[in-house]
Amino acid sequence: MLDTLKLRIYQGQQFIKDIQNAPMRDQFRGFPLISEGEFDIQNINCPTGAISANPLSIDMGKCTFCGKCSKNCEAVNFSNYYKLASTNRDKLIVTAGMNGEEYHKTAVEVRKEIKKVFGKSLKLRQVSAGGCNGCEMELNACSNVNFDMGRFGIDFVASPRHADGLVITGPITENMAYALEDCYKSTPDPKIVILCGACAISGGIFQNSTKLNREFLDKHPIDLYIPGCPVHPLTFINAILDFIGKNNP
């Protein structure tokens, strides 16, 4: 017992106390910053087609945040701002003059019914629909001692029957399409659906594959989009807190 107390004192406070304003390392590629003006993007060979011209824009739903565009075009840079989620797919498209703080103010719509039903406790079933395991590993980290998502009443559960909603990662392959639909039907109403990562939102680097079956997204409404490749735990946790109204009590 004494050794346990000594270890606790030595380790100090391990969890991030202020998860909503936690600092991020400078090297992190977060919200993209685009300069105003006309720029040549012919030398940018974006692997997911996330960058477009006229006007110059970046679709965070497709972006893998590889940084290739910023190396080949002086108009594009990445900040380390990590609050990237939105309840509106179209708002994930970033144009010139936008910054992360202004984007975040209107990106996530806090709905009264969501806050009322899920504001105090939210249980989520995570479905890996053909992903590379990158997002899955980051989502696992959300519950570790550093990020401690459970203190906000947000947890991942083992069964969809115990869940309030689904968190989908991966591009949704043919082999996972039925399992995802079955998981959705097994989740009791009312329920929410969250797309996590570029693969889930747009197909990512696999978007042109003939082995995908993304019909699920046409049949069911999506409540929250969380960009990233993979999604950082701070991005995910803040997205959920915004969505259920805990960041804006």
C-alpha atoms as a PDB file:
ATOM      1  CA  MET A   1       0.000   0.000   0.000  1.00  0.00           C
ATOM      2  CA  LEU A   2       2.818   2.381   0.900  1.00  0.00           C
ATOM      3  CA  ASP A   3       4.543   1.681  -2.413  1.00  0.00           C
ATOM      4  CA  THR A   4       1.297   2.457  -4.251  1.00  0.00           C
ATOM      5  CA  LEU A   5       0.978   5.817  -2.478  1.00  0.00           C
ATOM      6  CA  LYS A   6       4.604   6.668  -3.230  1.00  0.00           C
ATOM      7  CA  LEU A   7       4.079   5.838  -6.905  1.00  0.00           C
ATOM      8  CA  ARG A   8       0.949   8.017  -7.034  1.00  0.00           C
ATOM      9  CA  ILE A   9       2.833  10.948  -5.521  1.00  0.00           C
ATOM     10  CA  TYR A  10       5.765  10.426  -7.888  1.00  0.00           C
ATOM     11  CA  GLN A  11       3.560  10.272 -10.983  1.00  0.00           C
ATOM     12  CA  GLY A  12       1.483  13.281  -9.983  1.00  0.00           C
ATOM     13  CA  GLN A  13      -1.586  14.264 -11.986  1.00  0.00           C
ATOM     14  CA  GLN A  14      -1.545  12.119 -15.108  1.00  0.00           C
ATOM     15  CA  PHE A  15      -4.781  13.163 -16.762  1.00  0.00           C
ATOM     16  CA  ILE A  16      -5.174  16.319 -18.845  1.00  0.00           C
ATOM     17  CA  LYS A  17      -7.132  18.577 -16.518  1.00  0.00           C
ATOM     18  CA  ASP A  18      -8.505  21.026 -19.090  1.00  0.00           C
ATOM     19  CA  ILE A  19      -9.329  18.830 -22.077  1.00  0.00           C
ATOM     20  CA  GLN A  20     -11.067  21.699 -23.872  1.00  0.00           C
ATOM     21  CA  ASN A  21      -7.991  23.938 -23.924  1.00  0.00           C
ATOM     22  CA  ALA A  22      -5.182  21.398 -23.852  1.00  0.00           C
ATOM     23  CA  PRO A  23      -2.034  22.516 -25.686  1.00  0.00           C
ATOM     24  CA  MET A  24      -1.081  20.691 -28.872  1.00  0.00           C
ATOM     25  CA  ARG A  25       2.457  20.209 -30.145  1.00  0.00           C
ATOM     26  CA  ASP A  26       3.478  22.552 -32.955  1.00  0.00           C
ATOM     27  CA  GLN A  27       4.163  19.689 -35.380  1.00  0.00           C
ATOM     28  CA  PHE A  28       0.516  18.562 -35.332  1.00  0.00           C
ATOM     29  CA  ARG A  29      -1.304  19.217 -38.607  1.00  0.00           C
ATOM     30  CA  GLY A  30      -4.743  20.489 -37.729  1.00  0.00           C
ATOM     31  CA  PHE A  31      -7.057  23.078 -39.231  1.00  0.00           C
ATOM     32  CA  PRO A  32      -5.761  24.126 -42.689  1.00  0.00           C
ATOM     33  CA  LEU A  33      -5.058  27.801 -43.363  1.00  0.00           C
ATOM     34  CA  ILE A  34      -5.488  29.051 -46.928  1.00  0.00           C
ATOM     35  CA  SER A  35      -4.204  32.403 -48.147  1.00  0.00           C
ATOM     36  CA  GLU A  36      -6.347  34.607 -50.341  1.00  0.00           C
ATOM     37  CA  GLY A  37      -5.371  35.136 -53.974  1.00  0.00           C
ATOM     38  CA  GLU A  38      -4.745  33.047 -57.074  1.00  0.00           C
ATOM     39  CA  PHE A  39      -2.269  30.204 -56.773  1.00  0.00           C
ATOM     40  CA  ASP A  40      -1.135  27.392 -59.040  1.00  0.00           C
ATOM     41  CA  ILE A  41      -2.068  23.987 -57.601  1.00  0.00           C
ATOM     42  CA  GLN A  42      -0.980  21.910 -60.602  1.00  0.00           C
ATOM     43  CA  ASN A  43       2.028  20.610 -58.680  1.00  0.00           C
ATOM     44  CA  ILE A  44      -0.196  19.352 -55.857  1.00  0.00           C
ATOM     45  CA  ASN A  45      -0.997  15.702 -56.328  1.00  0.00           C
ATOM     46  CA  CYS A  46      -3.398  15.207 -53.431  1.00  0.00           C
ATOM     47  CA  PRO A  47      -3.859  11.457 -52.751  1.00  0.00           C
ATOM     48  CA  THR A  48      -7.564  11.901 -51.946  1.00  0.00           C
ATOM     49  CA  GLY A  49      -8.525  14.859 -54.131  1.00  0.00           C
ATOM     50  CA  ALA A  50      -9.180  16.979 -51.048  1.00  0.00           C
ATOM     51  CA  ILE A  51      -7.854  20.203 -52.573  1.00  0.00           C
ATOM     52  CA  SER A  52      -9.730  22.140 -55.243  1.00  0.00           C
ATOM     53  CA  ALA A  53      -9.199  25.348 -57.223  1.00  0.00           C
ATOM     54  CA  ASN A  54     -11.511  28.256 -58.100  1.00  0.00           C
ATOM     55  CA  PRO A  55     -11.809  28.998 -55.249  1.00  0.00           C
ATOM     56  CA  LEU A  56      -8.908  27.273 -53.537  1.00  0.00           C
ATOM     57  CA  SER A  57     -10.321  24.991 -50.853  1.00  0.00           C
ATOM     58  CA  ILE A  58      -9.541  21.888 -48.792  1.00  0.00           C
ATOM     59  CA  ASP A  59     -12.143  19.303 -47.871  1.00  0.00           C
ATOM     60  CA  MET A  60     -11.267  18.098 -44.373  1.00  0.00           C
ATOM     61  CA  GLY A  61     -13.588  15.151 -44.917  1.00  0.00           C
ATOM     62  CA  LYS A  62     -11.205  13.882 -47.581  1.00  0.00           C
ATOM     63  CA  CYS A  63      -7.925  15.277 -46.235  1.00  0.00           C
ATOM     64  CA  THR A  64      -5.391  12.881 -44.732  1.00  0.00           C
ATOM     65  CA  PHE A  65      -3.377  15.838 -43.363  1.00  0.00           C
ATOM     66  CA  CYS A  66      -0.261  14.485 -45.062  1.00  0.00           C
ATOM     67  CA  GLY A  67       1.000  18.037 -45.650  1.00  0.00           C
ATOM     68  CA  LYS A  68       1.889  17.455 -49.282  1.00  0.00           C
ATOM     69  CA  CYS A  69      -0.125  20.456 -50.428  1.00  0.00           C
ATOM     70  CA  SER A  70       1.630  22.815 -48.000  1.00  0.00           C
ATOM     71  CA  LYS A  71       5.007  21.705 -49.333  1.00  0.00           C
ATOM     72  CA  ASN A  72       4.042  22.393 -52.935  1.00  0.00           C
ATOM     73  CA  CYS A  73       1.837  25.463 -52.611  1.00  0.00           C
ATOM     74  CA  GLU A  74       2.680  28.570 -50.595  1.00  0.00           C
ATOM     75  CA  ALA A  75      -1.026  29.315 -50.135  1.00  0.00           C
ATOM     76  CA  VAL A  76      -1.631  26.313 -47.873  1.00  0.00           C
ATOM     77  CA  ASN A  77      -0.446  25.808 -44.321  1.00  0.00           C
ATOM     78  CA  PHE A  78      -1.662  23.765 -41.387  1.00  0.00           C
ATOM     79  CA  SER A  79      -2.231  25.132 -37.899  1.00  0.00           C
ATOM     80  CA  ASN A  80      -2.162  22.907 -34.833  1.00  0.00           C
ATOM     81  CA  TYR A  81      -5.816  23.671 -34.029  1.00  0.00           C
ATOM     82  CA  TYR A  82      -7.502  20.347 -33.329  1.00  0.00           C
ATOM     83  CA  LYS A  83     -11.237  21.086 -32.956  1.00  0.00           C
ATOM     84  CA  LEU A  84     -12.204  19.989 -36.459  1.00  0.00           C
ATOM     85  CA  ALA A  85     -15.600  18.291 -36.148  1.00  0.00           C
ATOM     86  CA  SER A  86     -18.857  19.443 -37.680  1.00  0.00           C
ATOM     87  CA  THR A  87     -22.483  18.375 -37.747  1.00  0.00           C
ATOM     88  CA  ASN A  88     -22.682  19.652 -41.342  1.00  0.00           C
ATOM     89  CA  ARG A  89     -20.697  17.822 -44.043  1.00  0.00           C
ATOM     90  CA  ASP A  90     -20.444  20.950 -46.201  1.00  0.00           C
ATOM     91  CA  LYS A  91     -18.768  22.929 -43.425  1.00  0.00           C
ATOM     92  CA  LEU A  92     -15.758  20.615 -43.595  1.00  0.00           C
ATOM     93  CA  ILE A  93     -14.733  22.436 -46.778  1.00  0.00           C
ATOM     94  CA  VAL A  94     -12.238  25.137 -45.785  1.00  0.00           C
ATOM     95  CA  THR A  95     -11.716  28.209 -47.977  1.00  0.00           C
ATOM     96  CA  ALA A  96      -9.375  31.203 -47.896  1.00  0.00           C
ATOM     97  CA  GLY A  97      -9.425  33.424 -44.836  1.00  0.00           C
ATOM     98  CA  MET A  98     -10.926  30.878 -42.447  1.00  0.00           C
ATOM     99  CA  ASN A  99      -9.261  30.044 -39.133  1.00  0.00           C
ATOM    100  CA  GLY A 100      -9.855  27.279 -36.644  1.00  0.00           C
ATOM    101  CA  GLU A 101     -11.349  29.387 -33.846  1.00  0.00           C
ATOM    102  CA  GLU A 102     -13.948  31.025 -36.090  1.00  0.00           C
ATOM    103  CA  TYR A 103     -14.764  27.702 -37.747  1.00  0.00           C
ATOM    104  CA  HIS A 104     -15.308  26.015 -34.387  1.00  0.00           C
ATOM    105  CA  LYS A 105     -17.899  28.578 -33.266  1.00  0.00           C
ATOM    106  CA  THR A 106     -20.479  27.399 -35.796  1.00  0.00           C
ATOM    107  CA  ALA A 107     -19.241  23.972 -36.922  1.00  0.00           C
ATOM    108  CA  VAL A 108     -21.107  21.854 -34.375  1.00  0.00           C
ATOM    109  CA  GLU A 109     -24.793  22.517 -33.872  1.00  0.00           C
ATOM    110  CA  VAL A 110     -25.908  21.769 -30.325  1.00  0.00           C
ATOM    111  CA  ARG A 111     -29.408  20.317 -30.572  1.00  0.00           C
ATOM    112  CA  LYS A 112     -31.640  20.518 -27.507  1.00  0.00           C
ATOM    113  CA  GLU A 113     -32.877  16.937 -27.884  1.00  0.00           C
ATOM    114  CA  ILE A 114     -29.304  15.587 -28.084  1.00  0.00           C
ATOM    115  CA  LYS A 115     -28.227  17.531 -25.010  1.00  0.00           C
ATOM    116  CA  LYS A 116     -31.317  16.427 -23.079  1.00  0.00           C
ATOM    117  CA  VAL A 117     -31.012  12.710 -23.873  1.00  0.00           C
ATOM    118  CA  PHE A 118     -27.228  12.224 -24.067  1.00  0.00           C
ATOM    119  CA  GLY A 119     -25.793  15.224 -22.206  1.00  0.00           C
ATOM    120  CA  LYS A 120     -25.011  13.371 -18.988  1.00  0.00           C
ATOM    121  CA  SER A 121     -24.169   9.910 -20.311  1.00  0.00           C
ATOM    122  CA  LEU A 122     -23.237   8.711 -23.785  1.00  0.00           C
ATOM    123  CA  LYS A 123     -22.353   5.112 -24.584  1.00  0.00           C
ATOM    124  CA  LEU A 124     -20.911   4.414 -28.021  1.00  0.00           C
ATOM    125  CA  ARG A 125     -20.265   1.269 -30.022  1.00  0.00           C
ATOM    126  CA  GLN A 126     -17.249   1.609 -32.288  1.00  0.00           C
ATOM    127  CA  VAL A 127     -17.388  -0.245 -35.617  1.00  0.00           C
ATOM    128  CA  SER A 128     -14.209  -0.738 -37.642  1.00  0.00           C
ATOM    129  CA  ALA A 129     -15.621  -0.988 -41.148  1.00  0.00           C
ATOM    130  CA  GLY A 130     -12.444  -1.994 -42.957  1.00  0.00           C
ATOM    131  CA  GLY A 131     -10.089   0.560 -41.421  1.00  0.00           C
ATOM    132  CA  CYS A 132      -6.299   0.395 -41.117  1.00  0.00           C
ATOM    133  CA  ASN A 133      -6.552   0.417 -37.288  1.00  0.00           C
ATOM    134  CA  GLY A 134      -5.077   3.940 -37.033  1.00  0.00           C
ATOM    135  CA  CYS A 135      -8.290   5.627 -35.909  1.00  0.00           C
ATOM    136  CA  GLU A 136      -9.147   2.611 -33.795  1.00  0.00           C
ATOM    137  CA  MET A 137      -5.905   2.945 -31.834  1.00  0.00           C
ATOM    138  CA  GLU A 138      -6.500   6.644 -31.239  1.00  0.00           C
ATOM    139  CA  LEU A 139     -10.045   5.974 -30.061  1.00  0.00           C
ATOM    140  CA  ASN A 140      -8.689   3.415 -27.602  1.00  0.00           C
ATOM    141  CA  ALA A 141      -6.402   6.136 -26.256  1.00  0.00           C
ATOM    142  CA  CYS A 142      -9.416   8.339 -25.488  1.00  0.00           C
ATOM    143  CA  SER A 143     -10.135   6.168 -22.456  1.00  0.00           C
ATOM    144  CA  ASN A 144      -6.588   5.964 -21.118  1.00  0.00           C
ATOM    145  CA  VAL A 145      -5.331   7.739 -18.013  1.00  0.00           C
ATOM    146  CA  ASN A 146      -4.149  10.798 -19.984  1.00  0.00           C
ATOM    147  CA  PHE A 147      -7.367  11.691 -21.783  1.00  0.00           C
ATOM    148  CA  ASP A 148      -9.825   9.897 -19.457  1.00  0.00           C
ATOM    149  CA  MET A 149     -12.936  10.369 -21.584  1.00  0.00           C
ATOM    150  CA  GLY A 150     -15.004   8.445 -19.034  1.00  0.00           C
ATOM    151  CA  ARG A 151     -14.954  11.368 -16.583  1.00  0.00           C
ATOM    152  CA  PHE A 152     -17.391  13.140 -18.914  1.00  0.00           C
ATOM    153  CA  GLY A 153     -19.769  10.186 -18.967  1.00  0.00           C
ATOM    154  CA  ILE A 154     -18.618   9.104 -22.435  1.00  0.00           C
ATOM    155  CA  ASP A 155     -17.628   5.461 -22.882  1.00  0.00           C
ATOM    156  CA  PHE A 156     -17.224   2.792 -25.543  1.00  0.00           C
ATOM    157  CA  VAL A 157     -19.288  -0.336 -24.923  1.00  0.00           C
ATOM    158  CA  ALA A 158     -18.917  -3.914 -26.141  1.00  0.00           C
ATOM    159  CA  SER A 159     -22.406  -4.382 -27.547  1.00  0.00           C
ATOM    160  CA  PRO A 160     -24.617  -2.189 -29.750  1.00  0.00           C
ATOM    161  CA  ARG A 161     -27.528  -3.181 -27.506  1.00  0.00           C
ATOM    162  CA  HIS A 162     -25.886  -1.191 -24.708  1.00  0.00           C
ATOM    163  CA  ALA A 163     -25.069   1.796 -26.941  1.00  0.00           C
ATOM    164  CA  ASP A 164     -26.631   5.174 -27.632  1.00  0.00           C
ATOM    165  CA  GLY A 165     -24.972   5.367 -31.029  1.00  0.00           C
ATOM    166  CA  LEU A 166     -22.285   4.181 -33.416  1.00  0.00           C
ATOM    167  CA  VAL A 167     -18.813   5.506 -34.158  1.00  0.00           C
ATOM    168  CA  ILE A 168     -17.785   4.305 -37.614  1.00  0.00           C
ATOM    169  CA  THR A 169     -14.169   4.134 -38.753  1.00  0.00           C
ATOM    170  CA  GLY A 170     -12.882   2.779 -42.045  1.00  0.00           C
ATOM    171  CA  PRO A 171     -14.214   3.200 -45.602  1.00  0.00           C
ATOM    172  CA  ILE A 172     -16.981   0.543 -45.209  1.00  0.00           C
ATOM    173  CA  THR A 173     -15.897  -2.449 -47.236  1.00  0.00           C
ATOM    174  CA  GLU A 174     -18.229  -4.968 -48.852  1.00  0.00           C
ATOM    175  CA  ASN A 175     -17.384  -7.498 -46.154  1.00  0.00           C
ATOM    176  CA  MET A 176     -18.333  -5.068 -43.382  1.00  0.00           C
ATOM    177  CA  ALA A 177     -21.458  -3.546 -44.939  1.00  0.00           C
ATOM    178  CA  TYR A 178     -23.857  -6.183 -43.588  1.00  0.00           C
ATOM    179  CA  ALA A 179     -22.235  -6.226 -40.155  1.00  0.00           C
ATOM    180  CA  LEU A 180     -22.477  -2.429 -39.917  1.00  0.00           C
ATOM    181  CA  GLU A 181     -26.144  -2.460 -40.898  1.00  0.00           C
ATOM    182  CA  ASP A 182     -26.824  -5.241 -38.394  1.00  0.00           C
ATOM    183  CA  CYS A 183     -25.022  -3.276 -35.692  1.00  0.00           C
ATOM    184  CA  TYR A 184     -27.121  -0.204 -36.490  1.00  0.00           C
ATOM    185  CA  LYS A 185     -30.368  -2.176 -36.246  1.00  0.00           C
ATOM    186  CA  SER A 186     -29.248  -3.669 -32.932  1.00  0.00           C
ATOM    187  CA  THR A 187     -28.699  -0.230 -31.400  1.00  0.00           C
ATOM    188  CA  PRO A 188     -31.835   0.976 -29.604  1.00  0.00           C
ATOM    189  CA  ASP A 189     -33.579   4.212 -30.568  1.00  0.00           C
ATOM    190  CA  PRO A 190     -32.972   7.091 -30.248  1.00  0.00           C
ATOM    191  CA  LYS A 191     -29.451   6.696 -31.593  1.00  0.00           C
ATOM    192  CA  ILE A 192     -26.740   8.743 -33.234  1.00  0.00           C
ATOM    193  CA  VAL A 193     -24.221   7.965 -35.960  1.00  0.00           C
ATOM    194  CA  ILE A 194     -20.723   9.448 -36.001  1.00  0.00           C
ATOM    195  CA  LEU A 195     -18.236   9.177 -38.869  1.00  0.00           C
ATOM    196  CA  CYS A 196     -14.686   9.239 -37.582  1.00  0.00           C
ATOM    197  CA  GLY A 197     -11.717   9.797 -39.899  1.00  0.00           C
ATOM    198  CA  ALA A 198     -11.240  10.504 -43.598  1.00  0.00           C
ATOM    199  CA  CYS A 199     -11.981   6.902 -44.594  1.00  0.00           C
ATOM    200  CA  ALA A 200     -15.383   6.894 -42.925  1.00  0.00           C
ATOM    201  CA  ILE A 201     -16.375  10.373 -44.108  1.00  0.00           C
ATOM    202  CA  SER A 202     -15.317  10.119 -47.754  1.00  0.00           C
ATOM    203  CA  GLY A 203     -13.598   6.787 -48.336  1.00  0.00           C
ATOM    204  CA  GLY A 204     -10.192   8.435 -47.899  1.00  0.00           C
ATOM    205  CA  ILE A 205      -7.454   6.916 -50.022  1.00  0.00           C
ATOM    206  CA  PHE A 206      -9.793   3.994 -50.755  1.00  0.00           C
ATOM    207  CA  GLN A 207     -12.644   6.108 -52.146  1.00  0.00           C
ATOM    208  CA  ASN A 208     -12.286   4.761 -55.696  1.00  0.00           C
ATOM    209  CA  SER A 209     -12.038   1.119 -54.669  1.00  0.00           C
ATOM    210  CA  THR A 210     -14.566  -1.265 -56.170  1.00  0.00           C
ATOM    211  CA  LYS A 211     -14.562  -3.248 -52.930  1.00  0.00           C
ATOM    212  CA  LEU A 212     -16.426  -0.617 -50.938  1.00  0.00           C
ATOM    213  CA  ASN A 213     -20.128  -0.603 -50.159  1.00  0.00           C
ATOM    214  CA  ARG A 214     -21.122   2.751 -48.685  1.00  0.00           C
ATOM    215  CA  GLU A 215     -24.883   2.380 -49.123  1.00  0.00           C
ATOM    216  CA  PHE A 216     -25.259   2.655 -45.340  1.00  0.00           C
ATOM    217  CA  LEU A 217     -24.512   6.383 -45.593  1.00  0.00           C
ATOM    218  CA  ASP A 218     -27.323   6.891 -48.093  1.00  0.00           C
ATOM    219  CA  LYS A 219     -29.865   5.112 -45.915  1.00  0.00           C
ATOM    220  CA  HIS A 220     -29.135   6.611 -42.500  1.00  0.00           C
ATOM    221  CA  PRO A 221     -28.624  10.191 -41.301  1.00  0.00           C
ATOM    222  CA  ILE A 222     -25.165  11.138 -40.024  1.00  0.00           C
ATOM    223  CA  ASP A 223     -25.091  13.280 -36.902  1.00  0.00           C
ATOM    224  CA  LEU A 224     -21.414  14.171 -36.571  1.00  0.00           C
ATOM    225  CA  TYR A 225     -18.320  14.207 -38.802  1.00  0.00           C
ATOM    226  CA  ILE A 226     -14.886  14.090 -37.156  1.00  0.00           C
ATOM    227  CA  PRO A 227     -11.969  14.605 -39.607  1.00  0.00           C
ATOM    228  CA  GLY A 228      -8.471  13.190 -39.217  1.00  0.00           C
ATOM    229  CA  CYS A 229      -6.159  10.465 -40.450  1.00  0.00           C
ATOM    230  CA  PRO A 230      -6.073   9.210 -37.799  1.00  0.00           C
ATOM    231  CA  VAL A 231      -8.327  11.258 -35.537  1.00  0.00           C
ATOM    232  CA  HIS A 232      -6.478  12.643 -32.513  1.00  0.00           C
ATOM    233  CA  PRO A 233      -8.044  11.885 -29.094  1.00  0.00           C
ATOM    234  CA  LEU A 234      -8.347  15.615 -28.358  1.00  0.00           C
ATOM    235  CA  THR A 235     -10.210  16.072 -31.635  1.00  0.00           C
ATOM    236  CA  PHE A 236     -12.595  13.228 -30.862  1.00  0.00           C
ATOM    237  CA  ILE A 237     -13.310  14.077 -27.227  1.00  0.00           C
ATOM    238  CA  ASN A 238     -13.898  17.773 -27.915  1.00  0.00           C
ATOM    239  CA  ALA A 239     -16.138  16.870 -30.844  1.00  0.00           C
ATOM    240  CA  ILE A 240     -18.333  14.733 -28.586  1.00  0.00           C
ATOM    241  CA  LEU A 241     -18.362  17.345 -25.809  1.00  0.00           C
ATOM    242  CA  ASP A 242     -19.446  19.988 -28.317  1.00  0.00           C
ATOM    243  CA  PHE A 243     -22.093  17.699 -29.761  1.00  0.00           C
ATOM    244  CA  ILE A 244     -23.755  16.863 -26.439  1.00  0.00           C
ATOM    245  CA  GLY A 245     -23.461  20.442 -25.192  1.00  0.00           C
ATOM    246  CA  LYS A 246     -20.892  19.958 -22.458  1.00  0.00           C
ATOM    247  CA  ASN A 247     -18.464  22.474 -23.959  1.00  0.00           C
ATOM    248  CA  ASN A 248     -21.330  25.000 -23.986  1.00  0.00           C
ATOM    249  CA  PRO A 249     -23.371  24.293 -20.860  1.00  0.00           C
END
